Amino acid sequence: MARAVLFDIDGTLIRTGGAGIKAFARAGETAFGIANGTAHMKFAGRTDTGLVREFLIWHGLKPSAENRQRFLDAYVFWLDQMLPQCTGGVCPGVWQFLRDLRALPEPPLIGLLTGNIRLGAEIKLRHYRLWEEFVTGAFADDHEERNLIAVAAHQRVSRHLKKDLGGEEIIVIGDTPHDIRCGRAIGARVIAVATGGAELDELREHTPDWCVKDLREMAVAEVCS
């Protein structure tokens, strides 16, 4: 039985219409005076902290704690500004899937496993009225490497439930091969959804437990039993 279900955010729960990518670009410009400084970067499935490190090194800047924080402070400011200007929304099936999870006789803990920093995650999910749906989570503040964020999530949900969960008791839901790999890193079962960064065929190559177009195709009773 699944005791915890952990969701990725971008492309899994929501689409922001590019608000995060645009906010990254504006952060580089306003914090460091570098226009169009993120054009070379690939964002899907990456962590915010890893992306900031890449930006700084690419442009010959020290990836110091001070420079990272300077960038991220600018990023969350611009993210808050950009979200209302971009056309986004909650991915198909998400609200019903969450309702169905809570309707189970023994509802699992519902949490986050994301490459967003915590404040960025909160800004995005509050904008789409989803933030309060999640009890806990792990974020790019915890680790720069996504697999280690998964370890942090595993530890956090175990503490919350006061039980050392086995990997098979956790379901990870994500939209990229990175999400599948980080779920496997903690022995979790994985649902891959083609609502964001990858097509179905690409996701299937990484052998998730389930692979669907979107969460409307997933029966909660099937995955949580």
C-alpha atoms as a PDB file:
ATOM      1  CA  MET A   1       0.000   0.000   0.000  1.00  0.00           C
ATOM      2  CA  ALA A   2       1.236   3.473  -0.831  1.00  0.00           C
ATOM      3  CA  ARG A   3       1.871   5.510   2.302  1.00  0.00           C
ATOM      4  CA  ALA A   4       3.173   8.625   0.515  1.00  0.00           C
ATOM      5  CA  VAL A   5       2.641  10.128  -2.931  1.00  0.00           C
ATOM      6  CA  LEU A   6       5.214  12.719  -4.016  1.00  0.00           C
ATOM      7  CA  PHE A   7       4.602  15.089  -6.913  1.00  0.00           C
ATOM      8  CA  ASP A   8       6.990  16.971  -9.135  1.00  0.00           C
ATOM      9  CA  ILE A   9       5.682  20.487  -9.906  1.00  0.00           C
ATOM     10  CA  ASP A  10       6.513  21.873 -13.360  1.00  0.00           C
ATOM     11  CA  GLY A  11       4.903  19.862 -16.125  1.00  0.00           C
ATOM     12  CA  THR A  12       3.368  17.468 -13.605  1.00  0.00           C
ATOM     13  CA  LEU A  13       1.092  19.570 -11.403  1.00  0.00           C
ATOM     14  CA  ILE A  14       1.152  22.814 -13.365  1.00  0.00           C
ATOM     15  CA  ARG A  15       2.302  24.531 -16.512  1.00  0.00           C
ATOM     16  CA  THR A  16       3.351  28.126 -15.952  1.00  0.00           C
ATOM     17  CA  GLY A  17       3.510  29.280 -19.558  1.00  0.00           C
ATOM     18  CA  GLY A  18       7.258  29.760 -19.275  1.00  0.00           C
ATOM     19  CA  ALA A  19       7.118  32.029 -16.213  1.00  0.00           C
ATOM     20  CA  GLY A  20       9.999  30.261 -14.473  1.00  0.00           C
ATOM     21  CA  ILE A  21      12.300  30.407 -17.490  1.00  0.00           C
ATOM     22  CA  LYS A  22      11.454  34.057 -18.076  1.00  0.00           C
ATOM     23  CA  ALA A  23      12.063  34.840 -14.400  1.00  0.00           C
ATOM     24  CA  PHE A  24      15.475  33.151 -14.588  1.00  0.00           C
ATOM     25  CA  ALA A  25      16.418  35.314 -17.553  1.00  0.00           C
ATOM     26  CA  ARG A  26      15.300  38.503 -15.844  1.00  0.00           C
ATOM     27  CA  ALA A  27      17.138  37.524 -12.658  1.00  0.00           C
ATOM     28  CA  GLY A  28      20.390  37.146 -14.585  1.00  0.00           C
ATOM     29  CA  GLU A  29      19.843  40.531 -16.171  1.00  0.00           C
ATOM     30  CA  THR A  30      18.871  42.479 -13.047  1.00  0.00           C
ATOM     31  CA  ALA A  31      21.195  40.780 -10.563  1.00  0.00           C
ATOM     32  CA  PHE A  32      24.307  40.522 -12.776  1.00  0.00           C
ATOM     33  CA  GLY A  33      23.665  42.729 -15.795  1.00  0.00           C
ATOM     34  CA  ILE A  34      23.723  39.793 -18.228  1.00  0.00           C
ATOM     35  CA  ALA A  35      21.015  40.053 -20.873  1.00  0.00           C
ATOM     36  CA  ASN A  36      19.716  36.831 -22.462  1.00  0.00           C
ATOM     37  CA  GLY A  37      22.108  34.932 -20.212  1.00  0.00           C
ATOM     38  CA  THR A  38      20.019  31.764 -20.002  1.00  0.00           C
ATOM     39  CA  ALA A  39      19.517  31.162 -23.739  1.00  0.00           C
ATOM     40  CA  HIS A  40      21.929  28.199 -23.724  1.00  0.00           C
ATOM     41  CA  MET A  41      20.293  26.447 -20.761  1.00  0.00           C
ATOM     42  CA  LYS A  42      17.982  23.423 -20.698  1.00  0.00           C
ATOM     43  CA  PHE A  43      15.457  23.634 -17.866  1.00  0.00           C
ATOM     44  CA  ALA A  44      13.285  20.487 -17.989  1.00  0.00           C
ATOM     45  CA  GLY A  45      13.834  18.243 -14.985  1.00  0.00           C
ATOM     46  CA  ARG A  46      16.660  20.397 -13.595  1.00  0.00           C
ATOM     47  CA  THR A  47      17.049  21.853 -10.102  1.00  0.00           C
ATOM     48  CA  ASP A  48      16.973  25.594  -9.486  1.00  0.00           C
ATOM     49  CA  THR A  49      20.231  25.479  -7.564  1.00  0.00           C
ATOM     50  CA  GLY A  50      21.939  23.471 -10.289  1.00  0.00           C
ATOM     51  CA  LEU A  51      20.717  25.928 -12.907  1.00  0.00           C
ATOM     52  CA  VAL A  52      22.023  28.890 -10.914  1.00  0.00           C
ATOM     53  CA  ARG A  53      25.419  27.245 -10.580  1.00  0.00           C
ATOM     54  CA  GLU A  54      25.500  26.612 -14.342  1.00  0.00           C
ATOM     55  CA  PHE A  55      24.549  30.231 -15.077  1.00  0.00           C
ATOM     56  CA  LEU A  56      27.259  31.638 -12.826  1.00  0.00           C
ATOM     57  CA  ILE A  57      30.034  29.373 -14.111  1.00  0.00           C
ATOM     58  CA  TRP A  58      29.030  29.872 -17.764  1.00  0.00           C
ATOM     59  CA  HIS A  59      29.361  33.627 -17.341  1.00  0.00           C
ATOM     60  CA  GLY A  60      32.655  33.493 -15.446  1.00  0.00           C
ATOM     61  CA  LEU A  61      31.174  34.288 -12.046  1.00  0.00           C
ATOM     62  CA  LYS A  62      32.024  32.524  -8.798  1.00  0.00           C
ATOM     63  CA  PRO A  63      29.307  30.077  -7.733  1.00  0.00           C
ATOM     64  CA  SER A  64      29.611  31.395  -4.188  1.00  0.00           C
ATOM     65  CA  ALA A  65      26.799  31.245  -1.652  1.00  0.00           C
ATOM     66  CA  GLU A  66      26.489  35.024  -1.919  1.00  0.00           C
ATOM     67  CA  ASN A  67      26.132  34.997  -5.714  1.00  0.00           C
ATOM     68  CA  ARG A  68      23.702  32.089  -5.632  1.00  0.00           C
ATOM     69  CA  GLN A  69      21.500  33.864  -3.106  1.00  0.00           C
ATOM     70  CA  ARG A  70      21.715  37.127  -5.053  1.00  0.00           C
ATOM     71  CA  PHE A  71      20.434  35.329  -8.140  1.00  0.00           C
ATOM     72  CA  LEU A  72      17.682  33.456  -6.306  1.00  0.00           C
ATOM     73  CA  ASP A  73      16.422  36.580  -4.538  1.00  0.00           C
ATOM     74  CA  ALA A  74      16.010  38.228  -7.930  1.00  0.00           C
ATOM     75  CA  TYR A  75      14.464  35.069  -9.371  1.00  0.00           C
ATOM     76  CA  VAL A  76      11.649  34.771  -6.809  1.00  0.00           C
ATOM     77  CA  PHE A  77      10.854  38.470  -7.232  1.00  0.00           C
ATOM     78  CA  TRP A  78      10.520  38.085 -10.994  1.00  0.00           C
ATOM     79  CA  LEU A  79       8.682  34.773 -10.713  1.00  0.00           C
ATOM     80  CA  ASP A  80       5.988  36.467  -8.661  1.00  0.00           C
ATOM     81  CA  GLN A  81       5.758  39.187 -11.318  1.00  0.00           C
ATOM     82  CA  MET A  82       5.760  36.843 -14.302  1.00  0.00           C
ATOM     83  CA  LEU A  83       3.145  34.281 -13.253  1.00  0.00           C
ATOM     84  CA  PRO A  84       0.120  36.550 -13.737  1.00  0.00           C
ATOM     85  CA  GLN A  85       1.489  37.620 -17.133  1.00  0.00           C
ATOM     86  CA  CYS A  86       1.896  34.084 -18.501  1.00  0.00           C
ATOM     87  CA  THR A  87      -0.818  31.703 -19.639  1.00  0.00           C
ATOM     88  CA  GLY A  88      -0.590  28.566 -17.539  1.00  0.00           C
ATOM     89  CA  GLY A  89      -2.789  26.236 -15.552  1.00  0.00           C
ATOM     90  CA  VAL A  90      -3.154  23.054 -13.557  1.00  0.00           C
ATOM     91  CA  CYS A  91      -2.389  19.935 -15.594  1.00  0.00           C
ATOM     92  CA  PRO A  92      -5.300  17.692 -16.637  1.00  0.00           C
ATOM     93  CA  GLY A  93      -6.477  15.257 -13.991  1.00  0.00           C
ATOM     94  CA  VAL A  94      -4.513  16.743 -11.093  1.00  0.00           C
ATOM     95  CA  TRP A  95      -7.434  18.007  -9.000  1.00  0.00           C
ATOM     96  CA  GLN A  96      -9.414  14.789  -9.388  1.00  0.00           C
ATOM     97  CA  PHE A  97      -6.364  12.658  -8.612  1.00  0.00           C
ATOM     98  CA  LEU A  98      -5.777  14.622  -5.397  1.00  0.00           C
ATOM     99  CA  ARG A  99      -9.444  14.262  -4.408  1.00  0.00           C
ATOM    100  CA  ASP A 100      -9.332  10.525  -5.101  1.00  0.00           C
ATOM    101  CA  LEU A 101      -6.205  10.126  -2.973  1.00  0.00           C
ATOM    102  CA  ARG A 102      -7.922  11.809  -0.038  1.00  0.00           C
ATOM    103  CA  ALA A 103     -11.040   9.659  -0.502  1.00  0.00           C
ATOM    104  CA  LEU A 104      -9.127   6.401   0.037  1.00  0.00           C
ATOM    105  CA  PRO A 105      -9.930   4.468   3.243  1.00  0.00           C
ATOM    106  CA  GLU A 106      -6.314   5.037   4.335  1.00  0.00           C
ATOM    107  CA  PRO A 107      -5.194   8.194   2.496  1.00  0.00           C
ATOM    108  CA  PRO A 108      -1.462   8.486   1.848  1.00  0.00           C
ATOM    109  CA  LEU A 109       0.592  11.511   2.769  1.00  0.00           C
ATOM    110  CA  ILE A 110       0.601  13.894  -0.191  1.00  0.00           C
ATOM    111  CA  GLY A 111       3.884  15.727  -0.676  1.00  0.00           C
ATOM    112  CA  LEU A 112       6.279  17.346  -3.119  1.00  0.00           C
ATOM    113  CA  LEU A 113       9.524  16.164  -4.679  1.00  0.00           C
ATOM    114  CA  THR A 114      10.755  18.997  -6.840  1.00  0.00           C
ATOM    115  CA  GLY A 115      13.778  20.748  -8.268  1.00  0.00           C
ATOM    116  CA  ASN A 116      12.262  24.103  -7.326  1.00  0.00           C
ATOM    117  CA  ILE A 117      13.567  25.970  -4.322  1.00  0.00           C
ATOM    118  CA  ARG A 118      10.915  25.969  -1.614  1.00  0.00           C
ATOM    119  CA  LEU A 119       9.930  29.621  -2.004  1.00  0.00           C
ATOM    120  CA  GLY A 120       9.689  29.249  -5.774  1.00  0.00           C
ATOM    121  CA  ALA A 121       7.502  26.167  -5.331  1.00  0.00           C
ATOM    122  CA  GLU A 122       5.253  28.039  -2.934  1.00  0.00           C
ATOM    123  CA  ILE A 123       4.917  31.064  -5.240  1.00  0.00           C
ATOM    124  CA  LYS A 124       3.978  28.844  -8.187  1.00  0.00           C
ATOM    125  CA  LEU A 125       1.543  26.608  -6.333  1.00  0.00           C
ATOM    126  CA  ARG A 126      -0.141  29.431  -4.430  1.00  0.00           C
ATOM    127  CA  HIS A 127      -0.768  31.139  -7.751  1.00  0.00           C
ATOM    128  CA  TYR A 128      -2.699  28.057  -8.883  1.00  0.00           C
ATOM    129  CA  ARG A 129      -4.286  27.471  -5.424  1.00  0.00           C
ATOM    130  CA  LEU A 130      -2.456  24.180  -4.919  1.00  0.00           C
ATOM    131  CA  TRP A 131       0.069  24.929  -2.172  1.00  0.00           C
ATOM    132  CA  GLU A 132      -2.200  23.927   0.719  1.00  0.00           C
ATOM    133  CA  GLU A 133      -2.772  20.503  -0.834  1.00  0.00           C
ATOM    134  CA  PHE A 134       0.681  19.278   0.235  1.00  0.00           C
ATOM    135  CA  VAL A 135       1.778  18.285   3.718  1.00  0.00           C
ATOM    136  CA  THR A 136       5.534  18.305   3.234  1.00  0.00           C
ATOM    137  CA  GLY A 137       8.189  17.981   0.570  1.00  0.00           C
ATOM    138  CA  ALA A 138      11.793  18.209  -0.486  1.00  0.00           C
ATOM    139  CA  PHE A 139      13.247  20.971  -2.612  1.00  0.00           C
ATOM    140  CA  ALA A 140      16.376  22.263  -4.316  1.00  0.00           C
ATOM    141  CA  ASP A 141      17.226  23.978  -1.013  1.00  0.00           C
ATOM    142  CA  ASP A 142      17.852  20.485   0.363  1.00  0.00           C
ATOM    143  CA  HIS A 143      20.306  19.385  -2.321  1.00  0.00           C
ATOM    144  CA  GLU A 144      21.457  20.440  -5.770  1.00  0.00           C
ATOM    145  CA  GLU A 145      21.271  16.874  -7.093  1.00  0.00           C
ATOM    146  CA  ARG A 146      17.760  15.603  -7.783  1.00  0.00           C
ATOM    147  CA  ASN A 147      18.445  12.075  -6.532  1.00  0.00           C
ATOM    148  CA  LEU A 148      19.553  13.494  -3.191  1.00  0.00           C
ATOM    149  CA  ILE A 149      16.412  15.611  -3.034  1.00  0.00           C
ATOM    150  CA  ALA A 150      14.552  12.300  -3.322  1.00  0.00           C
ATOM    151  CA  VAL A 151      16.532  10.934  -0.370  1.00  0.00           C
ATOM    152  CA  ALA A 152      15.590  14.027   1.642  1.00  0.00           C
ATOM    153  CA  ALA A 153      11.929  13.537   0.692  1.00  0.00           C
ATOM    154  CA  HIS A 154      12.054   9.889   1.746  1.00  0.00           C
ATOM    155  CA  GLN A 155      13.515  10.837   5.127  1.00  0.00           C
ATOM    156  CA  ARG A 156      11.055  13.690   5.641  1.00  0.00           C
ATOM    157  CA  VAL A 157       7.901  11.689   4.910  1.00  0.00           C
ATOM    158  CA  SER A 158       9.185   8.863   7.101  1.00  0.00           C
ATOM    159  CA  ARG A 159       9.657  11.305   9.986  1.00  0.00           C
ATOM    160  CA  HIS A 160       6.249  12.831   9.381  1.00  0.00           C
ATOM    161  CA  LEU A 161       4.552   9.424   9.425  1.00  0.00           C
ATOM    162  CA  LYS A 162       6.786   8.184  12.281  1.00  0.00           C
ATOM    163  CA  LYS A 163       7.570   5.101  10.241  1.00  0.00           C
ATOM    164  CA  ASP A 164      10.643   4.133   8.241  1.00  0.00           C
ATOM    165  CA  LEU A 165       8.951   3.745   4.888  1.00  0.00           C
ATOM    166  CA  GLY A 166      10.151   1.208   2.382  1.00  0.00           C
ATOM    167  CA  GLY A 167      10.686   2.545  -1.116  1.00  0.00           C
ATOM    168  CA  GLU A 168       7.762   0.494  -2.414  1.00  0.00           C
ATOM    169  CA  GLU A 169       5.465   2.420  -0.066  1.00  0.00           C
ATOM    170  CA  ILE A 170       6.221   5.669  -1.923  1.00  0.00           C
ATOM    171  CA  ILE A 171       4.904   6.743  -5.320  1.00  0.00           C
ATOM    172  CA  VAL A 172       6.731   9.460  -7.244  1.00  0.00           C
ATOM    173  CA  ILE A 173       4.887  11.291 -10.018  1.00  0.00           C
ATOM    174  CA  GLY A 174       6.835  13.264 -12.616  1.00  0.00           C
ATOM    175  CA  ASP A 175       7.044  14.253 -16.268  1.00  0.00           C
ATOM    176  CA  THR A 176      10.717  13.730 -17.216  1.00  0.00           C
ATOM    177  CA  PRO A 177      13.320  10.951 -17.152  1.00  0.00           C
ATOM    178  CA  HIS A 178      14.982  12.866 -14.281  1.00  0.00           C
ATOM    179  CA  ASP A 179      11.856  12.262 -12.185  1.00  0.00           C
ATOM    180  CA  ILE A 180      11.878   8.558 -13.008  1.00  0.00           C
ATOM    181  CA  ARG A 181      15.548   8.252 -12.042  1.00  0.00           C
ATOM    182  CA  CYS A 182      15.138  10.078  -8.745  1.00  0.00           C
ATOM    183  CA  GLY A 183      12.162   7.903  -7.842  1.00  0.00           C
ATOM    184  CA  ARG A 184      14.229   4.808  -8.571  1.00  0.00           C
ATOM    185  CA  ALA A 185      17.041   6.225  -6.409  1.00  0.00           C
ATOM    186  CA  ILE A 186      14.855   5.648  -3.330  1.00  0.00           C
ATOM    187  CA  GLY A 187      13.209   2.458  -4.591  1.00  0.00           C
ATOM    188  CA  ALA A 188       9.861   4.181  -5.162  1.00  0.00           C
ATOM    189  CA  ARG A 189       7.240   3.245  -7.692  1.00  0.00           C
ATOM    190  CA  VAL A 190       6.937   5.848 -10.434  1.00  0.00           C
ATOM    191  CA  ILE A 191       4.115   7.298 -12.499  1.00  0.00           C
ATOM    192  CA  ALA A 192       5.386   9.156 -15.563  1.00  0.00           C
ATOM    193  CA  VAL A 193       3.017  11.664 -17.152  1.00  0.00           C
ATOM    194  CA  ALA A 194       3.484  13.191 -20.602  1.00  0.00           C
ATOM    195  CA  THR A 195       2.158  16.607 -19.576  1.00  0.00           C
ATOM    196  CA  GLY A 196       5.450  18.451 -19.560  1.00  0.00           C
ATOM    197  CA  GLY A 197       9.013  17.834 -20.573  1.00  0.00           C
ATOM    198  CA  ALA A 198       8.946  14.524 -22.441  1.00  0.00           C
ATOM    199  CA  GLU A 199       6.846  12.481 -24.855  1.00  0.00           C
ATOM    200  CA  LEU A 200       5.337   9.123 -23.926  1.00  0.00           C
ATOM    201  CA  ASP A 201       7.845   7.112 -25.958  1.00  0.00           C
ATOM    202  CA  GLU A 202      10.804   8.815 -24.285  1.00  0.00           C
ATOM    203  CA  LEU A 203       9.319   8.236 -20.828  1.00  0.00           C
ATOM    204  CA  ARG A 204       8.640   4.557 -21.581  1.00  0.00           C
ATOM    205  CA  GLU A 205      12.311   4.038 -22.428  1.00  0.00           C
ATOM    206  CA  HIS A 206      13.094   4.705 -18.753  1.00  0.00           C
ATOM    207  CA  THR A 207      10.638   2.000 -17.606  1.00  0.00           C
ATOM    208  CA  PRO A 208       8.431   3.733 -15.053  1.00  0.00           C
ATOM    209  CA  ASP A 209       5.822   1.556 -13.366  1.00  0.00           C
ATOM    210  CA  TRP A 210       3.068   3.458 -15.139  1.00  0.00           C
ATOM    211  CA  CYS A 211       3.277   5.783 -18.125  1.00  0.00           C
ATOM    212  CA  VAL A 212       0.249   7.838 -19.123  1.00  0.00           C
ATOM    213  CA  LYS A 213      -0.697  10.842 -21.199  1.00  0.00           C
ATOM    214  CA  ASP A 214      -2.016  12.595 -18.081  1.00  0.00           C
ATOM    215  CA  LEU A 215      -3.442  11.762 -14.657  1.00  0.00           C
ATOM    216  CA  ARG A 216      -6.961  11.351 -16.017  1.00  0.00           C
ATOM    217  CA  GLU A 217      -5.752   7.940 -17.244  1.00  0.00           C
ATOM    218  CA  MET A 218      -4.640   6.818 -13.756  1.00  0.00           C
ATOM    219  CA  ALA A 219      -6.951   5.116 -11.274  1.00  0.00           C
ATOM    220  CA  VAL A 220      -5.882   5.943  -7.724  1.00  0.00           C
ATOM    221  CA  ALA A 221      -7.113   2.575  -6.457  1.00  0.00           C
ATOM    222  CA  GLU A 222      -4.804   0.831  -8.956  1.00  0.00           C
ATOM    223  CA  VAL A 223      -1.611   2.602  -7.892  1.00  0.00           C
ATOM    224  CA  CYS A 224      -2.206   2.867  -4.141  1.00  0.00           C
ATOM    225  CA  SER A 225      -3.333  -0.695  -3.410  1.00  0.00           C
END
